[in-house]
Amino acid sequence: MTPAPVVAAGPRSGGPPHARGWRLVAALAVTQTVGYGVLYYSFAVLMRPIATTLGVSTATVTGAMTCAILAGAAMAVPVGRWLDRHGGRALMTTGSLVATGLLVAWSQAQHVWQLYAVLVGIGATGAMVLYEPAFAVLVSWFGAARRAKALLAVTVVAGFASAIFLPLAGFLVDRHGWRTALLVLAAVHGIVTVPLHALAVPKRPRPDPDGPPPAATGATRAAVVRAALADTRFWAMAVAFVAHGAAMTAMTFHLVGLLTDAGHPVTFAATVVGLLGVLSVTGRIVLTGVQRRIRTTTVVAAIFAVQAGAALSLLVVGGSRAGAVVGVVAFGLGFGIASLAAPALLADRYGTVAYATIAGSLAVPITLARAGAPLGAAALQAGGGYPPVVLGISGACLVAAVGILVRAASPSPVGDPISDSASI
């Protein structure tokens, strides 16, 4: 069956005619930093003391975070539909309020079932306030000429969330215990994110001057989503970003173990792994800087291929400190690429009318892959040590590179108004 035409917004010559758009960028940069720092990264510090208090294993506590990730995946499409229809202000403000309340409830958890219930709620509210809705708001507000800079600004600032909140959470836990630490983090989260989302996020999506008239938006939105899901390029992107997401998560969980197994001290391994956050920012800056001169798909595929080779290099030269650093640096340059590349490819291909719904559809399999990757990697490690894990990560990066190239080479659907020369 011939796919329906894909409606895409053509490039805009500009963006918001005033400073409101950049105030929005500044606000979201702050809320994403605090949101990821409190709702995601602090868990790494809280995990062991919570397990000790509740009298369970760290694996049991980790399972709660896995459930949170799955809850976020389940919310991705409904959240996307809401954003396309109603905008981000009410959703993100409500999500911030509820997440703050759940952090307080988390601090009072006395039983494992309470921990799981709270973290499932945090996973669901995370889908309402973190990158996916923030990107949808930015994509709907900024034209193509300024969109990349807006996304880059938010992700560069938020890339330092771990560097800020891991030490902060550690300090609070050491001084006051994990329950008080969560109360302090809840206060920080509520005081910062709720007013910024309520005041800075637009109430409704900004009308797209290149899109259909408002009266036709509802019907057109559904048509665009159907066309995207029937588009070969969408599924090529899905394969690429699912494989890449799985590889990144597996490497995050197992890189310290890989390096210590190669003979490095734990302190050295942890320090080297800490480079990934900084390198993710570097990779995003590189992508944004070169995509005006080189096709985005070419750059992204090349970086994914470099990551495949870098992972393999850790098996060959990872036993030396210089080899380990070089391998991690090369791998880390692609660590944050997907968070910028996916919004750019989706918006330029399908426009902004149904962006959030399409992005949510893509986020579901990616999130599921991220949730399952650590378990799959652990099974490989148990069966044959770290070489099978590294080979799996390298292979996934190579699949991701091929998927991006297939996306670039796939023919446009019949009736597609985007010419091959204009598309990314």
Protein backbone atom coordinates (compact mmCIF):
# COMPACT_ATOMS: atom_id res chain seq x y z
CA MET A 1 0.00 0.00 0.00
CA THR A 2 1.32 3.44 -0.88
CA PRO A 3 2.03 5.52 2.21
CA ALA A 4 0.17 8.77 2.70
CA PRO A 5 2.10 11.91 1.89
CA VAL A 6 4.39 13.13 4.62
CA VAL A 7 3.69 16.74 5.47
CA ALA A 8 6.72 18.65 6.60
CA ALA A 9 7.27 22.23 7.46
CA GLY A 10 9.71 23.99 5.24
CA PRO A 11 12.57 25.92 6.78
CA ARG A 12 11.62 29.16 8.41
CA SER A 13 13.67 32.20 7.71
CA GLY A 14 13.74 33.17 11.34
CA GLY A 15 12.23 32.45 14.70
CA PRO A 16 10.50 34.35 17.47
CA PRO A 17 10.64 38.08 16.78
CA HIS A 18 11.48 38.88 20.42
CA ALA A 19 13.42 37.53 23.35
CA ARG A 20 10.67 35.28 24.71
CA GLY A 21 12.00 32.28 22.83
CA TRP A 22 15.43 32.59 24.39
CA ARG A 23 13.92 33.12 27.84
CA LEU A 24 12.15 29.84 27.23
CA VAL A 25 15.48 28.21 26.35
CA ALA A 26 17.07 29.55 29.55
CA ALA A 27 14.17 28.33 31.67
CA LEU A 28 14.17 24.84 30.16
CA ALA A 29 17.95 24.59 30.47
CA VAL A 30 17.57 25.13 34.22
CA THR A 31 14.56 22.85 34.67
CA GLN A 32 16.17 20.02 32.69
CA THR A 33 19.35 20.30 34.75
CA VAL A 34 17.43 20.16 38.02
CA GLY A 35 14.96 17.56 36.74
CA TYR A 36 17.58 15.10 35.55
CA GLY A 37 19.80 15.77 38.55
CA VAL A 38 17.07 15.12 41.12
CA LEU A 39 14.79 12.60 39.40
CA TYR A 40 17.47 10.50 37.68
CA TYR A 41 21.10 10.95 38.70
CA SER A 42 20.55 11.16 42.45
CA PHE A 43 19.30 7.57 42.39
CA ALA A 44 22.85 6.31 41.95
CA VAL A 45 23.80 7.84 45.31
CA LEU A 46 20.59 6.89 47.12
CA MET A 47 20.47 3.26 45.98
CA ARG A 48 22.76 1.64 48.55
CA PRO A 49 21.57 3.50 51.66
CA ILE A 50 17.95 2.83 50.71
CA ALA A 51 18.70 -0.87 50.28
CA THR A 52 20.39 -0.95 53.69
CA THR A 53 17.49 0.81 55.42
CA LEU A 54 14.82 -1.36 53.83
CA GLY A 55 16.86 -4.54 54.33
CA VAL A 56 16.88 -5.58 50.67
CA SER A 57 19.52 -6.05 47.98
CA THR A 58 20.66 -3.26 45.69
CA ALA A 59 19.31 -5.36 42.81
CA THR A 60 15.84 -5.08 44.34
CA VAL A 61 16.16 -1.31 44.60
CA THR A 62 17.55 -1.11 41.05
CA GLY A 63 14.45 -2.96 39.88
CA ALA A 64 12.38 -0.02 41.07
CA MET A 65 14.29 2.28 38.73
CA THR A 66 13.72 -0.17 35.88
CA CYS A 67 10.00 0.04 36.59
CA ALA A 68 10.27 3.83 36.56
CA ILE A 69 11.85 3.71 33.11
CA LEU A 70 9.09 1.43 31.85
CA ALA A 71 6.44 3.77 33.26
CA GLY A 72 8.07 6.61 31.35
CA ALA A 73 7.88 4.56 28.16
CA ALA A 74 4.19 3.90 28.71
CA MET A 75 3.55 7.64 29.06
CA ALA A 76 5.53 8.72 26.00
CA VAL A 77 2.76 8.58 23.38
CA PRO A 78 -0.07 9.99 25.55
CA VAL A 79 2.20 12.84 26.61
CA GLY A 80 3.11 13.50 22.97
CA ARG A 81 -0.54 13.67 21.95
CA TRP A 82 -1.29 16.11 24.75
CA LEU A 83 1.62 18.34 23.77
CA ASP A 84 0.55 18.45 20.13
CA ARG A 85 -2.99 19.43 21.09
CA HIS A 86 -2.61 21.57 24.19
CA GLY A 87 1.00 22.69 24.54
CA GLY A 88 3.42 22.23 27.40
CA ARG A 89 2.60 24.68 30.20
CA ALA A 90 -0.13 22.79 32.05
CA LEU A 91 1.49 19.41 31.47
CA MET A 92 5.00 20.37 32.59
CA THR A 93 3.80 22.43 35.56
CA THR A 94 1.56 19.61 36.76
CA GLY A 95 4.33 17.07 36.23
CA SER A 96 6.74 19.18 38.28
CA LEU A 97 4.25 19.52 41.13
CA VAL A 98 3.44 15.82 41.22
CA ALA A 99 7.10 14.80 40.94
CA THR A 100 7.95 17.06 43.89
CA GLY A 101 5.23 15.45 45.97
CA LEU A 102 6.47 11.99 45.00
CA LEU A 103 10.00 12.88 46.12
CA VAL A 104 8.58 13.74 49.54
CA ALA A 105 6.67 10.44 49.57
CA TRP A 106 9.86 8.62 48.54
CA SER A 107 11.63 10.00 51.62
CA GLN A 108 9.01 8.31 53.83
CA ALA A 109 9.04 4.87 52.15
CA GLN A 110 9.12 2.07 54.72
CA HIS A 111 8.50 -0.94 52.49
CA VAL A 112 9.69 -2.13 49.09
CA TRP A 113 6.22 -1.91 47.54
CA GLN A 114 6.06 1.77 48.54
CA LEU A 115 9.44 2.38 46.92
CA TYR A 116 8.26 0.73 43.69
CA ALA A 117 4.98 2.67 43.68
CA VAL A 118 6.74 6.00 44.16
CA LEU A 119 9.36 5.34 41.49
CA VAL A 120 6.72 4.24 38.98
CA GLY A 121 5.06 7.60 39.61
CA ILE A 122 8.36 9.43 39.21
CA GLY A 123 8.96 7.62 35.93
CA ALA A 124 5.53 8.67 34.68
CA THR A 125 5.99 12.30 35.72
CA GLY A 126 9.52 12.30 34.27
CA ALA A 127 7.91 11.71 30.88
CA MET A 128 5.96 14.93 31.48
CA VAL A 129 8.88 17.18 32.38
CA LEU A 130 12.21 15.92 30.98
CA TYR A 131 13.80 16.00 27.51
CA GLU A 132 10.95 14.73 25.32
CA PRO A 133 8.36 17.36 26.32
CA ALA A 134 11.02 20.07 26.57
CA PHE A 135 12.20 19.32 23.04
CA ALA A 136 8.62 19.25 21.77
CA VAL A 137 8.05 22.74 23.21
CA LEU A 138 11.24 24.05 21.61
CA VAL A 139 10.53 22.42 18.23
CA SER A 140 7.06 23.97 18.13
CA TRP A 141 8.41 27.40 19.05
CA PHE A 142 11.59 27.77 16.99
CA GLY A 143 11.93 27.73 13.24
CA ALA A 144 14.47 25.55 11.48
CA ALA A 145 17.06 28.36 11.38
CA ARG A 146 17.30 28.60 15.17
CA ARG A 147 16.03 25.24 16.38
CA ALA A 148 19.43 23.54 16.50
CA LYS A 149 20.92 26.31 18.65
CA ALA A 150 17.96 26.19 21.04
CA LEU A 151 18.19 22.42 21.48
CA LEU A 152 21.95 22.62 21.87
CA ALA A 153 21.75 25.30 24.56
CA VAL A 154 19.38 23.22 26.68
CA THR A 155 21.32 19.98 26.31
CA VAL A 156 24.70 21.60 26.95
CA VAL A 157 23.53 23.04 30.27
CA ALA A 158 21.62 19.91 31.27
CA GLY A 159 24.70 17.84 30.41
CA PHE A 160 26.20 19.07 33.69
CA ALA A 161 23.32 17.72 35.80
CA SER A 162 25.34 14.71 36.96
CA ALA A 163 28.37 16.86 37.80
CA ILE A 164 26.18 19.08 40.00
CA PHE A 165 23.72 16.70 41.60
CA LEU A 166 25.78 13.56 42.19
CA PRO A 167 28.16 15.42 44.56
CA LEU A 168 25.24 17.34 46.10
CA ALA A 169 23.25 14.17 46.75
CA GLY A 170 26.35 12.48 48.15
CA PHE A 171 26.99 15.39 50.51
CA LEU A 172 23.39 15.42 51.72
CA VAL A 173 23.31 11.65 52.28
CA ASP A 174 26.61 11.71 54.19
CA ARG A 175 25.55 14.60 56.41
CA HIS A 176 21.85 14.00 56.90
CA GLY A 177 20.88 10.53 55.61
CA TRP A 178 18.94 9.62 52.51
CA ARG A 179 15.49 10.59 53.82
CA THR A 180 16.48 14.17 54.61
CA ALA A 181 18.50 14.30 51.39
CA LEU A 182 15.34 13.52 49.43
CA LEU A 183 13.40 16.22 51.26
CA VAL A 184 16.06 18.80 50.40
CA LEU A 185 16.15 17.65 46.77
CA ALA A 186 12.34 17.79 46.64
CA ALA A 187 12.44 21.40 47.86
CA VAL A 188 15.04 22.32 45.24
CA HIS A 189 13.01 20.60 42.52
CA GLY A 190 9.73 22.26 43.47
CA ILE A 191 11.12 25.75 44.04
CA VAL A 192 12.98 25.78 40.72
CA THR A 193 10.93 23.79 38.21
CA VAL A 194 7.31 24.58 39.09
CA PRO A 195 7.45 28.39 38.67
CA LEU A 196 9.72 28.21 35.61
CA HIS A 197 7.40 25.79 33.82
CA ALA A 198 4.33 27.80 34.85
CA LEU A 199 5.74 31.16 33.76
CA ALA A 200 8.07 30.43 30.83
CA VAL A 201 6.51 27.53 28.90
CA PRO A 202 3.94 28.65 26.29
CA LYS A 203 0.36 27.72 27.03
CA ARG A 204 -0.17 26.36 23.52
CA PRO A 205 2.12 25.31 20.63
CA ARG A 206 3.25 28.24 18.50
CA PRO A 207 1.40 28.19 15.14
CA ASP A 208 3.60 27.03 12.28
CA PRO A 209 3.46 29.56 9.42
CA ASP A 210 4.52 26.84 6.99
CA GLY A 211 1.94 24.33 8.26
CA PRO A 212 -1.78 23.89 7.58
CA PRO A 213 -4.37 26.42 8.77
CA PRO A 214 -5.50 25.93 12.38
CA ALA A 215 -8.93 24.59 11.35
CA ALA A 216 -7.27 21.65 9.59
CA THR A 217 -4.71 20.93 12.30
CA GLY A 218 -6.58 18.06 14.02
CA ALA A 219 -7.15 16.04 10.86
CA THR A 220 -3.74 16.87 9.48
CA ARG A 221 -2.02 15.85 12.72
CA ALA A 222 -3.53 12.38 12.55
CA ALA A 223 -2.60 12.08 8.86
CA VAL A 224 0.99 13.09 9.55
CA VAL A 225 1.32 10.52 12.34
CA ARG A 226 -0.09 7.75 10.14
CA ALA A 227 2.22 8.73 7.31
CA ALA A 228 5.25 8.78 9.59
CA LEU A 229 4.52 5.29 10.90
CA ALA A 230 4.20 4.08 7.30
CA ASP A 231 7.47 5.73 6.29
CA THR A 232 10.57 3.55 5.79
CA ARG A 233 12.75 6.38 7.03
CA PHE A 234 10.98 6.48 10.39
CA TRP A 235 11.62 2.80 11.03
CA ALA A 236 15.22 3.10 9.89
CA MET A 237 15.62 5.86 12.48
CA ALA A 238 13.88 3.70 15.07
CA VAL A 239 16.30 0.80 14.50
CA ALA A 240 19.26 3.17 14.66
CA PHE A 241 18.29 4.97 17.85
CA VAL A 242 17.06 1.82 19.61
CA ALA A 243 20.39 0.12 18.94
CA HIS A 244 22.33 3.21 19.97
CA GLY A 245 20.29 3.74 23.13
CA ALA A 246 20.88 0.14 24.18
CA ALA A 247 24.61 0.47 23.55
CA MET A 248 24.91 3.71 25.54
CA THR A 249 23.06 2.33 28.54
CA ALA A 250 24.99 -0.93 28.54
CA MET A 251 28.28 0.95 28.38
CA THR A 252 27.24 3.29 31.19
CA PHE A 253 26.46 0.39 33.52
CA HIS A 254 29.45 -1.79 32.64
CA LEU A 255 32.34 0.52 31.74
CA VAL A 256 33.70 0.73 35.30
CA GLY A 257 33.63 -3.06 35.57
CA LEU A 258 35.26 -3.42 32.16
CA LEU A 259 38.14 -1.13 33.09
CA THR A 260 38.71 -2.67 36.52
CA ASP A 261 38.62 -6.11 34.95
CA ALA A 262 41.39 -4.88 32.61
CA GLY A 263 43.52 -4.17 35.70
CA HIS A 264 42.84 -0.50 36.42
CA PRO A 265 42.14 0.80 39.96
CA VAL A 266 38.51 1.62 40.73
CA THR A 267 39.34 5.31 41.27
CA PHE A 268 40.94 5.56 37.83
CA ALA A 269 38.04 3.70 36.20
CA ALA A 270 35.44 5.92 37.88
CA THR A 271 37.33 9.07 36.89
CA VAL A 272 37.56 8.00 33.26
CA VAL A 273 33.87 7.07 33.16
CA GLY A 274 33.11 10.52 34.55
CA LEU A 275 34.43 11.94 31.29
CA LEU A 276 31.34 10.66 29.47
CA GLY A 277 29.17 13.51 30.73
CA VAL A 278 31.61 16.19 29.59
CA LEU A 279 32.23 14.43 26.29
CA SER A 280 28.50 14.21 25.59
CA VAL A 281 28.41 18.01 25.66
CA THR A 282 31.43 18.17 23.35
CA GLY A 283 29.79 15.82 20.86
CA ARG A 284 26.62 17.89 20.80
CA ILE A 285 28.59 21.05 20.10
CA VAL A 286 30.47 19.34 17.27
CA LEU A 287 27.23 18.06 15.71
CA THR A 288 25.58 21.47 15.83
CA GLY A 289 28.68 23.17 14.42
CA VAL A 290 29.12 20.93 11.39
CA GLN A 291 25.53 20.10 10.42
CA ARG A 292 25.20 23.29 8.36
CA ARG A 293 28.04 22.13 6.11
CA ILE A 294 27.60 18.35 6.20
CA ARG A 295 24.38 16.36 6.12
CA THR A 296 23.25 15.48 9.63
CA THR A 297 22.82 11.83 8.72
CA THR A 298 26.40 11.65 7.46
CA VAL A 299 27.82 13.16 10.65
CA VAL A 300 25.70 11.00 12.95
CA ALA A 301 26.46 7.78 11.07
CA ALA A 302 30.18 8.59 11.16
CA ILE A 303 30.11 9.21 14.91
CA PHE A 304 28.21 5.98 15.55
CA ALA A 305 30.79 4.10 13.46
CA VAL A 306 33.61 5.70 15.46
CA GLN A 307 31.91 4.53 18.65
CA ALA A 308 31.79 0.97 17.30
CA GLY A 309 35.54 1.07 16.70
CA ALA A 310 36.22 2.78 20.04
CA ALA A 311 34.38 0.05 21.93
CA LEU A 312 36.45 -2.62 20.20
CA SER A 313 39.64 -0.70 20.97
CA LEU A 314 38.99 -1.13 24.68
CA LEU A 315 39.48 -4.87 24.23
CA VAL A 316 42.79 -4.33 22.45
CA VAL A 317 44.45 -1.38 24.19
CA GLY A 318 42.18 -0.83 27.19
CA GLY A 319 44.70 -2.45 29.49
CA SER A 320 46.93 0.64 29.36
CA ARG A 321 45.83 3.93 30.88
CA ALA A 322 46.46 5.84 27.65
CA GLY A 323 44.52 3.26 25.64
CA ALA A 324 41.62 3.33 28.08
CA VAL A 325 41.42 7.12 28.00
CA VAL A 326 41.61 7.29 24.21
CA GLY A 327 38.94 4.60 23.82
CA VAL A 328 36.57 6.23 26.30
CA VAL A 329 37.09 9.69 24.77
CA ALA A 330 36.36 8.41 21.26
CA PHE A 331 33.28 6.56 22.51
CA GLY A 332 32.11 9.46 24.65
CA LEU A 333 31.96 11.94 21.77
CA GLY A 334 28.82 10.18 20.56
CA PHE A 335 27.28 9.78 23.99
CA GLY A 336 24.84 12.68 23.73
CA ILE A 337 24.42 12.80 19.96
CA ALA A 338 21.08 11.01 19.81
CA SER A 339 19.34 13.57 22.04
CA LEU A 340 20.07 16.25 19.43
CA ALA A 341 19.98 14.22 16.23
CA ALA A 342 16.57 12.61 16.78
CA PRO A 343 14.63 15.89 17.22
CA ALA A 344 16.41 17.45 14.23
CA LEU A 345 15.71 14.50 11.94
CA LEU A 346 12.08 14.17 13.04
CA ALA A 347 11.26 17.88 12.80
CA ASP A 348 12.92 18.35 9.43
CA ARG A 349 11.24 15.25 8.03
CA TYR A 350 7.71 15.53 9.46
CA GLY A 351 7.39 19.17 10.52
CA THR A 352 6.04 20.45 13.83
CA VAL A 353 2.29 19.76 13.55
CA ALA A 354 2.50 16.28 15.12
CA TYR A 355 6.10 16.32 16.29
CA ALA A 356 5.45 15.36 19.92
CA THR A 357 3.27 12.36 19.03
CA ILE A 358 5.80 11.06 16.51
CA ALA A 359 8.68 11.64 18.93
CA GLY A 360 6.74 9.80 21.63
CA SER A 361 6.22 6.86 19.28
CA LEU A 362 9.96 6.74 18.70
CA ALA A 363 10.74 7.14 22.41
CA VAL A 364 8.82 4.00 23.43
CA PRO A 365 11.12 1.36 21.85
CA ILE A 366 14.20 3.42 22.70
CA THR A 367 13.22 3.57 26.37
CA LEU A 368 12.42 -0.15 26.46
CA ALA A 369 15.84 -0.89 24.95
CA ARG A 370 17.53 1.26 27.56
CA ALA A 371 15.65 -0.53 30.32
CA GLY A 372 16.60 -3.98 29.05
CA ALA A 373 20.16 -3.33 27.91
CA PRO A 374 21.84 -3.54 31.34
CA LEU A 375 20.20 -6.90 32.01
CA GLY A 376 21.19 -8.23 28.59
CA ALA A 377 24.74 -7.03 29.05
CA ALA A 378 24.88 -8.60 32.50
CA ALA A 379 23.79 -11.93 31.02
CA LEU A 380 26.55 -11.71 28.40
CA GLN A 381 29.09 -10.83 31.07
CA ALA A 382 28.04 -13.75 33.25
CA GLY A 383 28.42 -16.14 30.34
CA GLY A 384 31.74 -15.01 28.91
CA GLY A 385 33.16 -12.00 30.74
CA TYR A 386 33.38 -8.52 29.28
CA PRO A 387 34.50 -9.33 25.69
CA PRO A 388 30.97 -10.44 24.65
CA VAL A 389 29.57 -7.27 26.24
CA VAL A 390 31.96 -5.06 24.30
CA LEU A 391 31.30 -6.94 21.08
CA GLY A 392 27.57 -6.49 21.61
CA ILE A 393 27.98 -2.75 22.25
CA SER A 394 30.20 -2.35 19.19
CA GLY A 395 27.75 -4.30 17.05
CA ALA A 396 24.83 -2.18 18.25
CA CYS A 397 26.70 1.03 17.37
CA LEU A 398 27.42 -0.37 13.92
CA VAL A 399 23.73 -1.25 13.46
CA ALA A 400 22.90 2.32 14.50
CA ALA A 401 25.29 3.74 11.88
CA VAL A 402 23.80 1.55 9.17
CA GLY A 403 20.26 2.50 10.23
CA ILE A 404 21.04 6.20 9.89
CA LEU A 405 22.52 5.64 6.42
CA VAL A 406 19.45 3.63 5.39
CA ARG A 407 17.30 6.50 6.64
CA ALA A 408 19.25 8.89 4.42
CA ALA A 409 19.10 6.61 1.38
CA SER A 410 15.46 5.44 1.63
CA PRO A 411 13.17 6.83 -1.06
CA SER A 412 10.57 9.38 -0.06
CA PRO A 413 6.94 8.26 -0.01
CA VAL A 414 4.95 8.94 -3.16
CA GLY A 415 3.59 12.47 -3.05
CA ASP A 416 6.14 13.66 -0.51
CA PRO A 417 6.66 17.37 -1.06
CA ILE A 418 10.22 17.21 0.26
CA SER A 419 12.77 16.73 -2.44
CA ASP A 420 15.71 14.45 -1.80
CA SER A 421 18.09 17.37 -2.07
CA ALA A 422 16.24 19.35 0.58
CA SER A 423 15.83 16.57 3.11
CA ILE A 424 18.50 15.70 5.63
